[in-house]
């Protein structure tokens, strides 16, 4: 099994709602990929603007 954690940081002023609007479809479609065990988006609680797939 391959496990990939991808962090990314958004520009100052970009809201969580904007990030979710751009990534919700990606997350939904990726969950349907054959063999996919999980695909989620998380926001850091300690670093503003940092997200994890």
PDB file of N, CA and C in Angstrom:
ATOM      1  N   UNK A   1       0.840  -1.166   0.000  1.00  0.00           N
ATOM      2  CA  UNK A   1       0.000   0.000   0.000  1.00  0.00           C
ATOM      3  C   UNK A   1       0.894   1.240   0.000  1.00  0.00           C
ATOM      4  N   UNK A   2       0.489   2.217  -0.758  1.00  0.00           N
ATOM      5  CA  UNK A   2       1.175   3.503  -0.784  1.00  0.00           C
ATOM      6  C   UNK A   2       0.315   4.499  -0.024  1.00  0.00           C
ATOM      7  N   UNK A   3       0.933   5.206   0.898  1.00  0.00           N
ATOM      8  CA  UNK A   3       0.227   6.256   1.640  1.00  0.00           C
ATOM      9  C   UNK A   3       0.927   7.572   1.326  1.00  0.00           C
ATOM     10  N   UNK A   4       0.156   8.550   0.924  1.00  0.00           N
ATOM     11  CA  UNK A   4       0.705   9.851   0.559  1.00  0.00           C
ATOM     12  C   UNK A   4       0.011  10.923   1.378  1.00  0.00           C
ATOM     13  N   UNK A   5       0.797  11.748   2.043  1.00  0.00           N
ATOM     14  CA  UNK A   5       0.282  12.914   2.753  1.00  0.00           C
ATOM     15  C   UNK A   5       0.849  14.140   2.055  1.00  0.00           C
ATOM     16  N   UNK A   6      -0.020  15.007   1.585  1.00  0.00           N
ATOM     17  CA  UNK A   6       0.419  16.195   0.863  1.00  0.00           C
ATOM     18  C   UNK A   6      -0.045  17.439   1.607  1.00  0.00           C
ATOM     19  N   UNK A   7       0.920  18.240   2.055  1.00  0.00           N
ATOM     20  CA  UNK A   7       0.624  19.505   2.718  1.00  0.00           C
ATOM     21  C   UNK A   7       0.689  20.627   1.694  1.00  0.00           C
ATOM     22  N   UNK A   8      -0.159  21.619   1.871  1.00  0.00           N
ATOM     23  CA  UNK A   8      -0.043  22.821   1.055  1.00  0.00           C
ATOM     24  C   UNK A   8      -0.476  24.026   1.864  1.00  0.00           C
ATOM     25  N   UNK A   9       0.093  25.176   1.519  1.00  0.00           N
ATOM     26  CA  UNK A   9      -0.206  26.429   2.210  1.00  0.00           C
ATOM     27  C   UNK A   9      -0.831  27.381   1.207  1.00  0.00           C
ATOM     28  N   UNK A  10      -1.922  28.011   1.621  1.00  0.00           N
ATOM     29  CA  UNK A  10      -2.599  28.961   0.744  1.00  0.00           C
ATOM     30  C   UNK A  10      -2.120  30.373   1.058  1.00  0.00           C
ATOM     31  N   UNK A  11      -2.325  31.268   0.113  1.00  0.00           N
ATOM     32  CA  UNK A  11      -1.929  32.663   0.293  1.00  0.00           C
ATOM     33  C   UNK A  11      -2.753  33.312   1.402  1.00  0.00           C
ATOM     34  N   UNK A  12      -2.168  34.293   2.038  1.00  0.00           N
ATOM     35  CA  UNK A  12      -2.872  35.051   3.079  1.00  0.00           C
ATOM     36  C   UNK A  12      -4.160  35.625   2.498  1.00  0.00           C
ATOM     37  N   UNK A  13      -5.228  35.546   3.257  1.00  0.00           N
ATOM     38  CA  UNK A  13      -6.508  36.079   2.815  1.00  0.00           C
ATOM     39  C   UNK A  13      -7.432  35.052   2.194  1.00  0.00           C
ATOM     40  N   UNK A  14      -6.900  33.882   1.840  1.00  0.00           N
ATOM     41  CA  UNK A  14      -7.738  32.813   1.288  1.00  0.00           C
ATOM     42  C   UNK A  14      -8.438  32.125   2.458  1.00  0.00           C
ATOM     43  N   UNK A  15      -9.745  31.990   2.367  1.00  0.00           N
ATOM     44  CA  UNK A  15     -10.519  31.420   3.469  1.00  0.00           C
ATOM     45  C   UNK A  15     -10.653  29.900   3.335  1.00  0.00           C
ATOM     46  N   UNK A  16     -11.000  29.276   4.448  1.00  0.00           N
ATOM     47  CA  UNK A  16     -11.264  27.837   4.445  1.00  0.00           C
ATOM     48  C   UNK A  16     -12.389  27.510   3.475  1.00  0.00           C
ATOM     49  N   UNK A  17     -13.411  28.346   3.441  1.00  0.00           N
ATOM     50  CA  UNK A  17     -14.536  28.122   2.531  1.00  0.00           C
ATOM     51  C   UNK A  17     -14.079  28.135   1.076  1.00  0.00           C
ATOM     52  N   UNK A  18     -13.164  29.015   0.732  1.00  0.00           N
ATOM     53  CA  UNK A  18     -12.650  29.066  -0.641  1.00  0.00           C
ATOM     54  C   UNK A  18     -11.863  27.800  -0.971  1.00  0.00           C
ATOM     55  N   UNK A  19     -11.055  27.341  -0.037  1.00  0.00           N
ATOM     56  CA  UNK A  19     -10.281  26.111  -0.262  1.00  0.00           C
ATOM     57  C   UNK A  19     -11.229  24.938  -0.456  1.00  0.00           C
ATOM     58  N   UNK A  20     -12.224  24.824   0.412  1.00  0.00           N
ATOM     59  CA  UNK A  20     -13.181  23.719   0.308  1.00  0.00           C
ATOM     60  C   UNK A  20     -13.958  23.782  -1.002  1.00  0.00           C
ATOM     61  N   UNK A  21     -14.310  24.978  -1.451  1.00  0.00           N
ATOM     62  CA  UNK A  21     -15.038  25.114  -2.713  1.00  0.00           C
ATOM     63  C   UNK A  21     -14.211  24.569  -3.876  1.00  0.00           C
ATOM     64  N   UNK A  22     -12.902  24.726  -3.795  1.00  0.00           N
ATOM     65  CA  UNK A  22     -12.024  24.250  -4.865  1.00  0.00           C
ATOM     66  C   UNK A  22     -11.673  22.769  -4.736  1.00  0.00           C
ATOM     67  N   UNK A  23     -11.724  22.231  -3.540  1.00  0.00           N
ATOM     68  CA  UNK A  23     -11.236  20.865  -3.333  1.00  0.00           C
ATOM     69  C   UNK A  23     -12.325  19.821  -3.100  1.00  0.00           C
ATOM     70  N   UNK A  24     -13.542  20.223  -2.797  1.00  0.00           N
ATOM     71  CA  UNK A  24     -14.602  19.249  -2.499  1.00  0.00           C
ATOM     72  C   UNK A  24     -14.808  18.246  -3.631  1.00  0.00           C
ATOM     73  N   UNK A  25     -14.846  18.717  -4.869  1.00  0.00           N
ATOM     74  CA  UNK A  25     -15.052  17.804  -5.996  1.00  0.00           C
ATOM     75  C   UNK A  25     -13.852  16.864  -6.154  1.00  0.00           C
ATOM     76  N   UNK A  26     -12.653  17.389  -5.992  1.00  0.00           N
ATOM     77  CA  UNK A  26     -11.447  16.562  -6.081  1.00  0.00           C
ATOM     78  C   UNK A  26     -11.486  15.439  -5.053  1.00  0.00           C
ATOM     79  N   UNK A  27     -11.840  15.780  -3.819  1.00  0.00           N
ATOM     80  CA  UNK A  27     -11.912  14.774  -2.756  1.00  0.00           C
ATOM     81  C   UNK A  27     -12.971  13.728  -3.092  1.00  0.00           C
ATOM     82  N   UNK A  28     -14.144  14.184  -3.507  1.00  0.00           N
ATOM     83  CA  UNK A  28     -15.245  13.265  -3.819  1.00  0.00           C
ATOM     84  C   UNK A  28     -14.870  12.297  -4.937  1.00  0.00           C
ATOM     85  N   UNK A  29     -14.298  12.819  -6.014  1.00  0.00           N
ATOM     86  CA  UNK A  29     -13.939  11.963  -7.152  1.00  0.00           C
ATOM     87  C   UNK A  29     -12.775  11.033  -6.812  1.00  0.00           C
ATOM     88  N   UNK A  30     -11.822  11.513  -6.040  1.00  0.00           N
ATOM     89  CA  UNK A  30     -10.671  10.687  -5.674  1.00  0.00           C
ATOM     90  C   UNK A  30     -11.074   9.517  -4.799  1.00  0.00           C
ATOM     91  N   UNK A  31     -12.085   9.698  -3.978  1.00  0.00           N
ATOM     92  CA  UNK A  31     -12.573   8.601  -3.132  1.00  0.00           C
ATOM     93  C   UNK A  31     -13.127   7.456  -3.969  1.00  0.00           C
ATOM     94  N   UNK A  32     -13.529   7.739  -5.203  1.00  0.00           N
ATOM     95  CA  UNK A  32     -14.103   6.723  -6.085  1.00  0.00           C
ATOM     96  C   UNK A  32     -13.044   5.958  -6.877  1.00  0.00           C
ATOM     97  N   UNK A  33     -11.781   6.407  -6.818  1.00  0.00           N
ATOM     98  CA  UNK A  33     -10.712   5.724  -7.544  1.00  0.00           C
ATOM     99  C   UNK A  33     -10.567   4.286  -7.053  1.00  0.00           C
ATOM    100  N   UNK A  34     -10.350   3.378  -7.990  1.00  0.00           N
ATOM    101  CA  UNK A  34     -10.179   1.967  -7.644  1.00  0.00           C
ATOM    102  C   UNK A  34      -9.014   1.799  -6.673  1.00  0.00           C
ATOM    103  N   UNK A  35      -9.248   1.072  -5.610  1.00  0.00           N
ATOM    104  CA  UNK A  35      -8.206   0.799  -4.634  1.00  0.00           C
ATOM    105  C   UNK A  35      -8.009   1.884  -3.587  1.00  0.00           C
ATOM    106  N   UNK A  36      -8.703   2.994  -3.736  1.00  0.00           N
ATOM    107  CA  UNK A  36      -8.554   4.091  -2.782  1.00  0.00           C
ATOM    108  C   UNK A  36      -9.115   3.691  -1.422  1.00  0.00           C
ATOM    109  N   UNK A  37      -8.318   3.838  -0.387  1.00  0.00           N
ATOM    110  CA  UNK A  37      -8.744   3.505   0.983  1.00  0.00           C
ATOM    111  C   UNK A  37      -9.245   4.740   1.732  1.00  0.00           C
ATOM    112  N   UNK A  38      -8.915   5.916   1.242  1.00  0.00           N
ATOM    113  CA  UNK A  38      -9.356   7.136   1.913  1.00  0.00           C
ATOM    114  C   UNK A  38      -8.764   8.369   1.261  1.00  0.00           C
ATOM    115  N   UNK A  39      -9.496   9.439   1.315  1.00  0.00           N
ATOM    116  CA  UNK A  39      -9.033  10.701   0.740  1.00  0.00           C
ATOM    117  C   UNK A  39      -9.796  11.801   1.452  1.00  0.00           C
ATOM    118  N   UNK A  40      -9.087  12.607   2.201  1.00  0.00           N
ATOM    119  CA  UNK A  40      -9.728  13.658   2.978  1.00  0.00           C
ATOM    120  C   UNK A  40      -8.888  14.924   2.944  1.00  0.00           C
ATOM    121  N   UNK A  41      -9.521  16.020   3.284  1.00  0.00           N
ATOM    122  CA  UNK A  41      -8.841  17.301   3.415  1.00  0.00           C
ATOM    123  C   UNK A  41      -8.930  17.728   4.868  1.00  0.00           C
ATOM    124  N   UNK A  42      -7.788  18.092   5.430  1.00  0.00           N
ATOM    125  CA  UNK A  42      -7.728  18.564   6.811  1.00  0.00           C
ATOM    126  C   UNK A  42      -7.071  19.936   6.836  1.00  0.00           C
ATOM    127  N   UNK A  43      -7.500  20.755   7.780  1.00  0.00           N
ATOM    128  CA  UNK A  43      -6.885  22.063   7.987  1.00  0.00           C
ATOM    129  C   UNK A  43      -6.099  22.025   9.294  1.00  0.00           C
ATOM    130  N   UNK A  44      -4.897  22.559   9.279  1.00  0.00           N
ATOM    131  CA  UNK A  44      -4.079  22.593  10.482  1.00  0.00           C
ATOM    132  C   UNK A  44      -4.751  23.441  11.562  1.00  0.00           C
ATOM    133  N   UNK A  45      -4.672  22.976  12.781  1.00  0.00           N
ATOM    134  CA  UNK A  45      -5.213  23.747  13.908  1.00  0.00           C
ATOM    135  C   UNK A  45      -4.154  24.653  14.520  1.00  0.00           C
ATOM    136  N   UNK A  46      -2.907  24.487  14.091  1.00  0.00           N
ATOM    137  CA  UNK A  46      -1.816  25.282  14.661  1.00  0.00           C
ATOM    138  C   UNK A  46      -1.146  26.215  13.663  1.00  0.00           C
ATOM    139  N   UNK A  47      -1.365  25.971  12.355  1.00  0.00           N
ATOM    140  CA  UNK A  47      -0.727  26.789  11.326  1.00  0.00           C
ATOM    141  C   UNK A  47      -1.792  27.315  10.367  1.00  0.00           C
ATOM    142  N   UNK A  48      -2.160  28.561  10.487  1.00  0.00           N
ATOM    143  CA  UNK A  48      -3.185  29.121   9.605  1.00  0.00           C
ATOM    144  C   UNK A  48      -2.807  28.974   8.130  1.00  0.00           C
ATOM    145  N   UNK A  49      -3.791  28.585   7.329  1.00  0.00           N
ATOM    146  CA  UNK A  49      -3.571  28.477   5.892  1.00  0.00           C
ATOM    147  C   UNK A  49      -2.865  27.218   5.436  1.00  0.00           C
ATOM    148  N   UNK A  50      -2.629  26.273   6.343  1.00  0.00           N
ATOM    149  CA  UNK A  50      -1.962  25.019   5.978  1.00  0.00           C
ATOM    150  C   UNK A  50      -2.999  23.901   5.974  1.00  0.00           C
ATOM    151  N   UNK A  51      -3.001  23.144   4.883  1.00  0.00           N
ATOM    152  CA  UNK A  51      -3.957  22.058   4.690  1.00  0.00           C
ATOM    153  C   UNK A  51      -3.202  20.782   4.366  1.00  0.00           C
ATOM    154  N   UNK A  52      -3.900  19.657   4.537  1.00  0.00           N
ATOM    155  CA  UNK A  52      -3.319  18.338   4.285  1.00  0.00           C
ATOM    156  C   UNK A  52      -4.327  17.484   3.543  1.00  0.00           C
ATOM    157  N   UNK A  53      -3.871  16.872   2.453  1.00  0.00           N
ATOM    158  CA  UNK A  53      -4.674  15.845   1.780  1.00  0.00           C
ATOM    159  C   UNK A  53      -4.202  14.519   2.288  1.00  0.00           C
TER     160      UNK A  53
END
